């Protein structure tokens, strides 16, 4: 199903920003193809699982204490804990927790995680408003993902190479677009919401080397998107050509190279949310193809990490820059430094057969056995892989050399969870139940699954989901 996109050429500020705003403000639930609705529900369930699990991490608890200390009104739920806050506080907490253990979804081309930026704001506002239907929630999520991903595509991967964290940049637009839809902004105010989002976009990639700051980028993006949409509703104007402005615009400021055609290409017919992917492992998306190659080799050939002499990983420049650096444990331990490092991820996969939650506990981060193997994992740029297209930006070729001289090889163009190598729905549900089931009751898991499965028919789902997401185990 296609959505017609029209642009008023007589209005000041015509350009990609207006095209996106016109599209989103005019979008209706009836225009969404069934597969888009189904994907939105997958994104919601996966984000709930990630957010509930991440609730007890030190970074989420730090944000929760800040929000509690501000004395905000208790109108929306913090997932996986008993705290409540206003919509800004709840979205800040839940966005931080959803992105808090490198388990959340990933849109590969734009290199961002929109579940943690969009769904907390939609959920918090829906709880606060009351009587927001499931269809309205789905529509808001789709609008947020669609605009966030498209805006992210325009500056990817250049903004990342410049040093900006895409989650903090483009998830701000995604949240603003979602809430703009939820509060029914007209196209002019929608343009301002996007402009105000662009003025708040922020996030530094150096956080990946050892800082909790990366965790809260999505929380801030979720919160800032609400501020942008609410302020636009009240008449505060934003930069009307925020995407295309040649001086001081989003693209021109954050990216050395950008392509504005990504913003509107196939708009209304090619749904970017369908290119959203999910994670199998508890690490950055750029290391997951390597982890999968090593898992396959380990299982096929009954390999033991203790018997590995070295591992050679050939990949793209993006992966090399993102996570190919030598692993150095932090003191005190910083989980992020291990999760964002390909050699560490590869080492724990070879030694333990997985790279999930248990492999990134504090006592593992300076384990001499893991560090020794990580130091023998060499990451280099493969020119042939580097010349492939944007969908293949995380392609890898892995060669494992054993101490007895045997060599095993495996290659992947697409990480597990990429839209061209999807994770089955059964595995996504199992992931949700595993993550959320560590924190909330089995009855709550069942309620959440049932509500999300039937979301398009629910009259006021947030009122039911909020308590279920807080039904923590005794």
Protein backbone atom coordinates (compact mmCIF):
# COMPACT_ATOMS: atom_id res chain seq x y z
CA UNK A 1 0.00 0.00 0.00
CA UNK A 2 1.33 3.42 -0.98
CA UNK A 3 0.80 6.71 0.82
CA UNK A 4 0.46 9.80 -1.34
CA UNK A 5 2.95 12.53 -0.44
CA UNK A 6 2.17 16.09 -1.46
CA UNK A 7 4.21 19.23 -0.87
CA UNK A 8 2.90 22.78 -0.92
CA UNK A 9 5.49 24.49 -3.12
CA UNK A 10 4.18 27.91 -2.18
CA UNK A 11 5.14 27.73 1.50
CA UNK A 12 8.46 29.00 2.81
CA UNK A 13 10.87 26.24 3.79
CA UNK A 14 10.02 23.73 1.05
CA UNK A 15 12.44 20.85 1.11
CA UNK A 16 13.03 17.46 2.65
CA UNK A 17 11.95 18.64 6.11
CA UNK A 18 8.56 19.69 4.81
CA UNK A 19 8.11 16.54 2.73
CA UNK A 20 8.65 14.38 5.81
CA UNK A 21 6.38 16.56 7.96
CA UNK A 22 3.60 16.50 5.34
CA UNK A 23 3.91 12.75 5.08
CA UNK A 24 3.83 12.11 8.81
CA UNK A 25 1.07 14.58 9.67
CA UNK A 26 -1.13 13.03 6.98
CA UNK A 27 -0.34 9.41 7.78
CA UNK A 28 -3.30 7.27 8.84
CA UNK A 29 -3.43 3.83 10.41
CA UNK A 30 -5.47 2.50 7.48
CA UNK A 31 -2.52 3.25 5.18
CA UNK A 32 -0.17 0.94 7.08
CA UNK A 33 0.47 -2.41 5.39
CA UNK A 34 -0.09 -5.44 7.65
CA UNK A 35 3.63 -6.23 7.67
CA UNK A 36 4.40 -2.72 8.95
CA UNK A 37 1.92 -3.15 11.81
CA UNK A 38 3.45 -6.54 12.63
CA UNK A 39 6.95 -5.04 12.67
CA UNK A 40 5.86 -2.20 14.95
CA UNK A 41 4.55 -4.77 17.42
CA UNK A 42 7.83 -6.73 17.26
CA UNK A 43 9.73 -3.52 18.01
CA UNK A 44 7.49 -2.75 20.97
CA UNK A 45 7.81 -6.21 22.52
CA UNK A 46 11.59 -6.33 22.02
CA UNK A 47 12.01 -2.87 23.55
CA UNK A 48 9.92 -3.87 26.56
CA UNK A 49 12.15 -6.89 27.16
CA UNK A 50 15.34 -4.86 26.84
CA UNK A 51 14.00 -2.07 29.03
CA UNK A 52 12.70 -4.29 31.81
CA UNK A 53 16.00 -6.17 32.01
CA UNK A 54 18.03 -2.96 31.91
CA UNK A 55 16.09 -1.42 34.81
CA UNK A 56 18.43 -2.69 37.51
CA UNK A 57 21.71 -1.70 35.86
CA UNK A 58 23.80 0.94 37.64
CA UNK A 59 23.28 3.49 34.86
CA UNK A 60 19.49 3.16 34.86
CA UNK A 61 19.40 3.32 38.64
CA UNK A 62 21.51 6.50 38.56
CA UNK A 63 19.04 8.13 36.16
CA UNK A 64 16.12 6.92 38.30
CA UNK A 65 17.61 8.54 41.40
CA UNK A 66 17.99 11.82 39.52
CA UNK A 67 14.39 11.72 38.32
CA UNK A 68 13.12 10.80 41.80
CA UNK A 69 15.14 13.63 43.29
CA UNK A 70 13.45 16.15 41.00
CA UNK A 71 10.12 15.35 42.64
CA UNK A 72 8.18 14.87 39.44
CA UNK A 73 4.50 13.99 39.36
CA UNK A 74 3.87 10.24 39.16
CA UNK A 75 2.05 9.81 35.86
CA UNK A 76 3.97 7.16 33.89
CA UNK A 77 5.73 3.91 34.72
CA UNK A 78 9.43 3.10 34.91
CA UNK A 79 9.69 -0.38 33.42
CA UNK A 80 11.03 -3.18 35.59
CA UNK A 81 10.81 -1.17 38.81
CA UNK A 82 8.19 0.41 41.04
CA UNK A 83 9.10 4.05 40.36
CA UNK A 84 6.82 6.45 38.52
CA UNK A 85 7.51 9.88 37.06
CA UNK A 86 6.11 12.42 34.66
CA UNK A 87 6.41 11.70 30.95
CA UNK A 88 9.86 13.29 30.65
CA UNK A 89 11.28 11.36 33.59
CA UNK A 90 9.73 8.04 32.58
CA UNK A 91 10.95 8.32 28.99
CA UNK A 92 14.43 9.28 30.23
CA UNK A 93 14.57 6.27 32.54
CA UNK A 94 13.08 3.78 30.08
CA UNK A 95 15.10 4.99 27.11
CA UNK A 96 18.25 4.56 29.18
CA UNK A 97 17.29 1.07 30.32
CA UNK A 98 16.15 -0.10 26.87
CA UNK A 99 19.54 0.81 25.39
CA UNK A 100 21.31 -0.12 28.59
CA UNK A 101 22.78 -3.55 27.83
CA UNK A 102 23.40 -3.49 24.06
CA UNK A 103 20.41 -5.76 23.45
CA UNK A 104 18.06 -3.36 21.69
CA UNK A 105 17.04 -3.23 18.06
CA UNK A 106 19.19 -1.72 15.32
CA UNK A 107 18.43 -0.11 11.97
CA UNK A 108 21.65 -0.88 10.12
CA UNK A 109 21.83 1.82 7.46
CA UNK A 110 21.24 4.67 9.89
CA UNK A 111 23.29 2.93 12.61
CA UNK A 112 20.77 3.77 15.31
CA UNK A 113 18.43 2.07 17.80
CA UNK A 114 14.97 3.58 17.53
CA UNK A 115 13.16 1.27 19.92
CA UNK A 116 14.93 2.90 22.88
CA UNK A 117 14.26 6.41 21.58
CA UNK A 118 10.70 6.09 20.30
CA UNK A 119 8.82 3.49 22.31
CA UNK A 120 9.53 4.91 25.81
CA UNK A 121 8.16 8.32 24.79
CA UNK A 122 5.09 6.83 23.10
CA UNK A 123 4.39 4.61 26.10
CA UNK A 124 4.92 7.39 28.69
CA UNK A 125 2.68 9.86 26.85
CA UNK A 126 0.01 7.23 26.22
CA UNK A 127 -0.07 6.38 29.93
CA UNK A 128 -0.30 10.05 30.82
CA UNK A 129 -3.03 10.91 28.33
CA UNK A 130 -5.20 7.86 28.95
CA UNK A 131 -7.57 6.43 26.33
CA UNK A 132 -4.89 6.24 23.64
CA UNK A 133 -5.84 3.31 21.45
CA UNK A 134 -3.47 0.58 20.33
CA UNK A 135 -3.86 1.77 16.75
CA UNK A 136 -2.80 5.27 17.76
CA UNK A 137 0.24 3.86 19.54
CA UNK A 138 1.21 1.75 16.52
CA UNK A 139 0.78 4.75 14.20
CA UNK A 140 2.99 6.90 16.42
CA UNK A 141 5.68 4.21 16.58
CA UNK A 142 5.66 3.81 12.79
CA UNK A 143 5.90 7.58 12.26
CA UNK A 144 8.80 7.77 14.71
CA UNK A 145 10.71 4.90 13.15
CA UNK A 146 10.03 6.06 9.60
CA UNK A 147 11.23 9.63 10.08
CA UNK A 148 14.03 8.75 12.48
CA UNK A 149 15.52 6.13 10.16
CA UNK A 150 15.22 8.26 7.05
CA UNK A 151 16.86 11.25 8.72
CA UNK A 152 19.53 8.91 10.06
CA UNK A 153 20.15 7.50 6.59
CA UNK A 154 20.99 10.95 5.23
CA UNK A 155 24.09 11.34 7.43
CA UNK A 156 25.16 7.71 7.84
CA UNK A 157 27.89 6.63 8.23
CA UNK A 158 29.61 10.03 7.98
CA UNK A 159 28.16 11.42 11.23
CA UNK A 160 29.42 8.33 13.03
CA UNK A 161 32.90 8.75 11.56
CA UNK A 162 32.81 12.41 12.57
CA UNK A 163 32.38 11.21 16.16
CA UNK A 164 28.67 11.56 16.86
CA UNK A 165 26.54 8.77 18.35
CA UNK A 166 23.59 8.19 15.99
CA UNK A 167 21.23 7.22 18.83
CA UNK A 168 21.58 10.61 20.42
CA UNK A 169 21.20 12.38 17.08
CA UNK A 170 18.48 10.72 15.06
CA UNK A 171 16.43 9.05 17.80
CA UNK A 172 15.63 12.60 18.94
CA UNK A 173 13.91 13.13 15.58
CA UNK A 174 12.24 9.73 15.89
CA UNK A 175 10.78 10.54 19.29
CA UNK A 176 9.62 13.99 18.17
CA UNK A 177 7.98 12.48 15.08
CA UNK A 178 6.21 9.83 17.16
CA UNK A 179 4.86 12.26 19.74
CA UNK A 180 3.98 14.78 17.04
CA UNK A 181 1.75 12.10 15.58
CA UNK A 182 0.34 11.11 18.95
CA UNK A 183 -0.75 14.71 19.67
CA UNK A 184 -1.96 15.30 16.09
CA UNK A 185 0.30 18.17 15.11
CA UNK A 186 -0.56 19.78 11.80
CA UNK A 187 2.15 19.95 9.16
CA UNK A 188 3.39 23.42 10.17
CA UNK A 189 3.82 22.48 13.81
CA UNK A 190 5.26 19.12 12.77
CA UNK A 191 7.96 21.01 10.88
CA UNK A 192 8.74 22.95 14.05
CA UNK A 193 8.85 19.74 16.10
CA UNK A 194 11.50 18.36 13.73
CA UNK A 195 13.38 21.66 13.85
CA UNK A 196 13.33 21.68 17.66
CA UNK A 197 14.48 18.06 17.68
CA UNK A 198 17.45 18.97 15.52
CA UNK A 199 18.44 21.69 17.96
CA UNK A 200 18.60 19.07 20.74
CA UNK A 201 20.36 16.25 18.85
CA UNK A 202 23.50 15.21 20.73
CA UNK A 203 25.77 12.27 21.59
CA UNK A 204 29.49 11.52 21.43
CA UNK A 205 30.92 8.21 20.21
CA UNK A 206 33.93 8.38 22.56
CA UNK A 207 31.52 7.07 25.20
CA UNK A 208 31.96 3.61 23.67
CA UNK A 209 35.48 3.31 25.06
CA UNK A 210 34.32 3.35 28.67
CA UNK A 211 31.53 5.56 29.99
CA UNK A 212 27.93 5.08 31.08
CA UNK A 213 27.07 8.14 29.00
CA UNK A 214 26.29 6.05 25.91
CA UNK A 215 23.46 4.39 27.82
CA UNK A 216 21.59 7.61 28.46
CA UNK A 217 21.84 9.03 24.94
CA UNK A 218 18.66 7.19 23.93
CA UNK A 219 16.94 8.24 27.16
CA UNK A 220 17.75 11.87 26.45
CA UNK A 221 16.66 11.49 22.84
CA UNK A 222 13.33 10.04 23.95
CA UNK A 223 12.83 12.85 26.46
CA UNK A 224 13.97 15.59 24.08
CA UNK A 225 11.60 14.41 21.37
CA UNK A 226 8.67 14.93 23.74
CA UNK A 227 9.92 18.43 24.56
CA UNK A 228 10.21 19.21 20.84
CA UNK A 229 6.69 18.04 20.00
CA UNK A 230 5.05 19.64 23.04
CA UNK A 231 6.81 22.98 22.47
CA UNK A 232 5.82 22.95 18.80
CA UNK A 233 2.20 22.41 19.84
CA UNK A 234 2.41 25.53 22.01
CA UNK A 235 3.74 27.64 19.16
CA UNK A 236 7.51 27.50 19.67
CA UNK A 237 9.04 27.43 16.21
CA UNK A 238 12.01 25.34 15.20
CA UNK A 239 14.37 25.60 12.23
CA UNK A 240 11.97 25.07 9.35
CA UNK A 241 14.57 23.64 6.98
CA UNK A 242 16.44 21.79 9.70
CA UNK A 243 17.59 18.95 7.44
CA UNK A 244 18.58 20.81 4.30
CA UNK A 245 19.88 24.14 5.68
CA UNK A 246 23.33 24.62 4.17
CA UNK A 247 24.64 26.47 7.21
CA UNK A 248 23.69 25.34 10.71
CA UNK A 249 21.32 22.64 9.52
CA UNK A 250 21.35 19.13 10.94
CA UNK A 251 23.06 17.44 8.00
CA UNK A 252 25.54 20.23 7.24
CA UNK A 253 26.55 20.54 10.90
CA UNK A 254 26.86 16.90 11.91
CA UNK A 255 28.16 15.22 8.78
CA UNK A 256 31.06 15.81 6.42
CA UNK A 257 29.12 14.00 3.70
CA UNK A 258 25.35 13.56 3.46
CA UNK A 259 22.72 12.55 0.94
CA UNK A 260 19.32 14.19 1.44
CA UNK A 261 17.68 11.89 -1.09
CA UNK A 262 17.65 9.17 1.60
CA UNK A 263 15.05 11.21 3.49
CA UNK A 264 12.33 10.97 0.86
CA UNK A 265 13.34 8.11 -1.44
CA UNK A 266 10.39 5.70 -1.67
CA UNK A 267 8.52 7.57 1.06
CA UNK A 268 5.11 5.99 1.57
CA UNK A 269 5.94 2.83 -0.36
CA UNK A 270 9.31 1.58 0.90
CA UNK A 271 8.90 1.36 4.67
CA UNK A 272 12.16 1.78 6.53
CA UNK A 273 10.74 0.19 9.68
CA UNK A 274 10.77 -3.10 7.75
CA UNK A 275 14.56 -2.77 7.59
CA UNK A 276 14.80 -2.57 11.36
CA UNK A 277 16.61 -5.51 12.90
CA UNK A 278 17.09 -7.13 16.28
CA UNK A 279 20.02 -8.43 18.26
CA UNK A 280 20.94 -11.97 19.14
CA UNK A 281 23.93 -11.01 21.27
CA UNK A 282 24.51 -8.48 24.05
CA UNK A 283 26.98 -6.37 22.09
CA UNK A 284 27.08 -3.65 19.50
CA UNK A 285 25.59 -4.61 16.14
CA UNK A 286 28.94 -4.31 14.36
CA UNK A 287 30.43 -7.28 16.24
CA UNK A 288 27.47 -9.62 15.81
CA UNK A 289 28.38 -11.04 12.41
CA UNK A 290 31.81 -12.02 13.79
CA UNK A 291 30.20 -13.53 16.89
CA UNK A 292 27.84 -15.54 14.69
CA UNK A 293 30.67 -16.80 12.47
CA UNK A 294 32.61 -17.94 15.55
CA UNK A 295 29.53 -19.59 17.07
CA UNK A 296 28.94 -21.54 13.85
CA UNK A 297 32.59 -22.64 13.58
CA UNK A 298 32.72 -23.57 17.27
CA UNK A 299 29.61 -25.73 16.99
CA UNK A 300 30.37 -27.27 13.60
CA UNK A 301 33.93 -28.28 14.47
CA UNK A 302 33.66 -28.70 18.24
CA UNK A 303 36.30 -26.01 18.80
CA UNK A 304 37.57 -24.99 22.22
CA UNK A 305 38.64 -21.41 22.78
CA UNK A 306 41.60 -22.67 24.81
CA UNK A 307 42.94 -24.37 21.66
CA UNK A 308 42.75 -21.29 19.42
CA UNK A 309 46.07 -19.76 18.34
CA UNK A 310 44.65 -16.70 16.60
CA UNK A 311 41.63 -15.29 14.81
CA UNK A 312 41.77 -13.04 11.75
CA UNK A 313 38.71 -10.94 10.99
CA UNK A 314 38.48 -9.13 7.66
CA UNK A 315 35.68 -6.59 7.55
CA UNK A 316 34.62 -3.11 6.50
CA UNK A 317 36.22 0.14 7.60
CA UNK A 318 33.04 0.99 9.52
CA UNK A 319 33.30 -2.16 11.65
CA UNK A 320 37.04 -1.67 12.09
CA UNK A 321 36.56 1.87 13.39
CA UNK A 322 33.51 0.99 15.45
CA UNK A 323 34.86 -2.00 17.37
CA UNK A 324 38.13 -3.34 15.94
CA UNK A 325 40.37 -1.61 18.46
CA UNK A 326 42.50 -3.61 20.98
CA UNK A 327 40.61 -4.44 24.16
CA UNK A 328 41.73 -2.71 27.34
CA UNK A 329 39.86 -3.41 30.60
CA UNK A 330 38.82 -0.35 32.58
CA UNK A 331 39.48 0.25 36.28
CA UNK A 332 36.87 0.36 37.71
CA UNK A 333 35.19 -2.05 35.27
CA UNK A 334 33.09 -0.54 32.49
CA UNK A 335 30.76 -3.02 30.81
CA UNK A 336 30.45 -0.81 27.72
CA UNK A 337 34.18 -1.13 26.94
CA UNK A 338 33.77 -4.89 26.50
CA UNK A 339 30.39 -4.84 24.74
CA UNK A 340 31.64 -2.33 22.18
CA UNK A 341 34.84 -4.28 21.43
CA UNK A 342 34.97 -6.97 18.74
CA UNK A 343 38.03 -8.86 20.11
CA UNK A 344 36.41 -9.23 23.55
CA UNK A 345 33.10 -10.36 22.01
CA UNK A 346 34.92 -12.87 19.83
CA UNK A 347 36.96 -14.19 22.75
CA UNK A 348 33.96 -14.87 25.00
CA UNK A 349 32.12 -16.53 22.12
CA UNK A 350 35.01 -18.92 21.51
CA UNK A 351 35.54 -19.63 25.20
CA UNK A 352 31.93 -19.82 26.39
CA UNK A 353 29.81 -20.36 23.29
CA UNK A 354 27.80 -17.17 23.71
CA UNK A 355 28.06 -13.39 23.99
CA UNK A 356 24.91 -12.68 25.98
CA UNK A 357 24.26 -11.23 29.42
CA UNK A 358 26.40 -13.59 31.46
CA UNK A 359 29.50 -12.96 29.35
CA UNK A 360 29.63 -9.27 30.33
CA UNK A 361 29.43 -9.44 34.10
CA UNK A 362 32.03 -7.36 35.95
CA UNK A 363 34.20 -10.32 36.96
CA UNK A 364 34.64 -11.25 33.28
CA UNK A 365 35.83 -7.86 32.10
CA UNK A 366 39.41 -8.27 33.34
CA UNK A 367 39.60 -12.08 33.14
CA UNK A 368 43.19 -12.88 32.01
CA UNK A 369 42.01 -15.87 29.96
CA UNK A 370 39.53 -13.76 27.99
CA UNK A 371 41.98 -10.89 27.56
CA UNK A 372 44.72 -13.23 26.32
CA UNK A 373 42.48 -14.60 23.57
CA UNK A 374 41.10 -11.15 22.74
CA UNK A 375 44.68 -9.99 22.17
CA UNK A 376 45.06 -12.70 19.53
CA UNK A 377 42.00 -11.60 17.53
CA UNK A 378 43.20 -9.37 14.69
CA UNK A 379 40.76 -7.08 12.88
CA UNK A 380 41.66 -5.61 9.49
CA UNK A 381 39.84 -3.85 6.67
CA UNK A 382 39.01 -6.12 3.73
CA UNK A 383 38.88 -3.85 0.63
CA UNK A 384 36.48 -6.18 -1.17
CA UNK A 385 33.97 -6.14 1.68
CA UNK A 386 34.49 -2.43 2.21
CA UNK A 387 33.44 -1.77 -1.39
CA UNK A 388 30.01 -3.36 -0.92
CA UNK A 389 26.78 -1.42 -0.38
CA UNK A 390 25.24 0.07 2.78
CA UNK A 391 23.31 -3.11 3.61
CA UNK A 392 26.64 -4.96 3.76
CA UNK A 393 28.42 -2.41 5.95
CA UNK A 394 28.94 -5.09 8.66
CA UNK A 395 30.13 -7.94 6.43
CA UNK A 396 32.93 -10.15 7.77
CA UNK A 397 35.30 -12.94 6.81
CA UNK A 398 36.62 -14.89 9.78
CA UNK A 399 39.57 -17.31 9.88
CA UNK A 400 40.30 -19.29 13.05
CA UNK A 401 43.75 -20.88 13.35
CA UNK A 402 44.12 -23.58 15.97
CA UNK A 403 47.27 -24.30 17.96
CA UNK A 404 47.63 -27.61 16.08
CA UNK A 405 47.70 -25.73 12.76
CA UNK A 406 44.18 -26.43 11.55
CA UNK A 407 42.29 -23.49 10.05
CA UNK A 408 38.56 -22.88 9.80
CA UNK A 409 36.78 -20.13 7.87
CA UNK A 410 33.33 -18.64 7.72
CA UNK A 411 31.84 -15.48 6.18
CA UNK A 412 28.65 -13.46 6.64
CA UNK A 413 27.33 -10.53 4.64
CA UNK A 414 24.57 -9.77 7.14
CA UNK A 415 24.63 -10.01 10.91
CA UNK A 416 21.98 -12.18 12.58
CA UNK A 417 18.96 -9.93 13.02
CA UNK A 418 19.64 -7.84 9.90
CA UNK A 419 16.48 -7.59 7.80
CA UNK A 420 18.19 -9.79 5.18
CA UNK A 421 19.10 -12.35 7.87
CA UNK A 422 16.16 -12.04 10.29
CA UNK A 423 15.71 -13.60 13.69
CA UNK A 424 12.52 -15.76 13.77
CA UNK A 425 9.56 -14.49 15.77
CA UNK A 426 9.82 -17.51 18.05
CA UNK A 427 13.38 -16.52 18.97
CA UNK A 428 12.35 -12.88 19.54
CA UNK A 429 9.60 -14.01 21.91
CA UNK A 430 12.04 -16.26 23.73
CA UNK A 431 14.42 -13.31 24.05
CA UNK A 432 11.66 -11.14 25.51
CA UNK A 433 10.68 -13.79 28.04
CA UNK A 434 14.31 -14.46 28.98
CA UNK A 435 15.15 -10.79 29.53
CA UNK A 436 11.95 -9.53 31.12
CA UNK A 437 11.43 -12.82 32.97
CA UNK A 438 14.53 -12.11 35.05
CA UNK A 439 12.75 -9.11 36.56
CA UNK A 440 8.95 -9.33 36.32
CA UNK A 441 6.50 -12.16 37.05
CA UNK A 442 5.42 -14.84 34.62
CA UNK A 443 1.86 -13.55 34.83
CA UNK A 444 3.11 -10.11 33.75
CA UNK A 445 4.99 -11.62 30.82
CA UNK A 446 1.83 -13.34 29.66
CA UNK A 447 -0.23 -10.13 29.97
CA UNK A 448 2.28 -8.06 28.04
CA UNK A 449 2.54 -10.59 25.22
CA UNK A 450 -1.25 -10.88 24.96
CA UNK A 451 -1.75 -7.10 24.87
CA UNK A 452 0.99 -6.49 22.28
CA UNK A 453 -0.25 -9.37 20.11
CA UNK A 454 -3.71 -7.78 20.06
CA UNK A 455 -2.51 -4.17 20.17
CA UNK A 456 -4.44 -2.91 17.16
CA UNK A 457 -7.71 -3.95 18.87
CA UNK A 458 -6.96 -2.54 22.33
CA UNK A 459 -8.87 0.57 23.46
CA UNK A 460 -6.39 1.78 26.12
CA UNK A 461 -3.42 -0.60 26.22
CA UNK A 462 -1.00 1.70 28.08
CA UNK A 463 -3.22 1.56 31.16
CA UNK A 464 -2.74 -2.23 31.18
CA UNK A 465 0.88 -2.35 30.07
CA UNK A 466 2.15 0.12 32.67
CA UNK A 467 1.23 -2.03 35.71
CA UNK A 468 2.38 -5.22 33.98
CA UNK A 469 5.79 -3.72 33.21
CA UNK A 470 6.11 -2.88 36.93
CA UNK A 471 4.97 -6.25 38.27
CA UNK A 472 8.44 -7.09 39.55
CA UNK A 473 9.21 -10.32 41.31
CA UNK A 474 9.24 -10.26 45.10
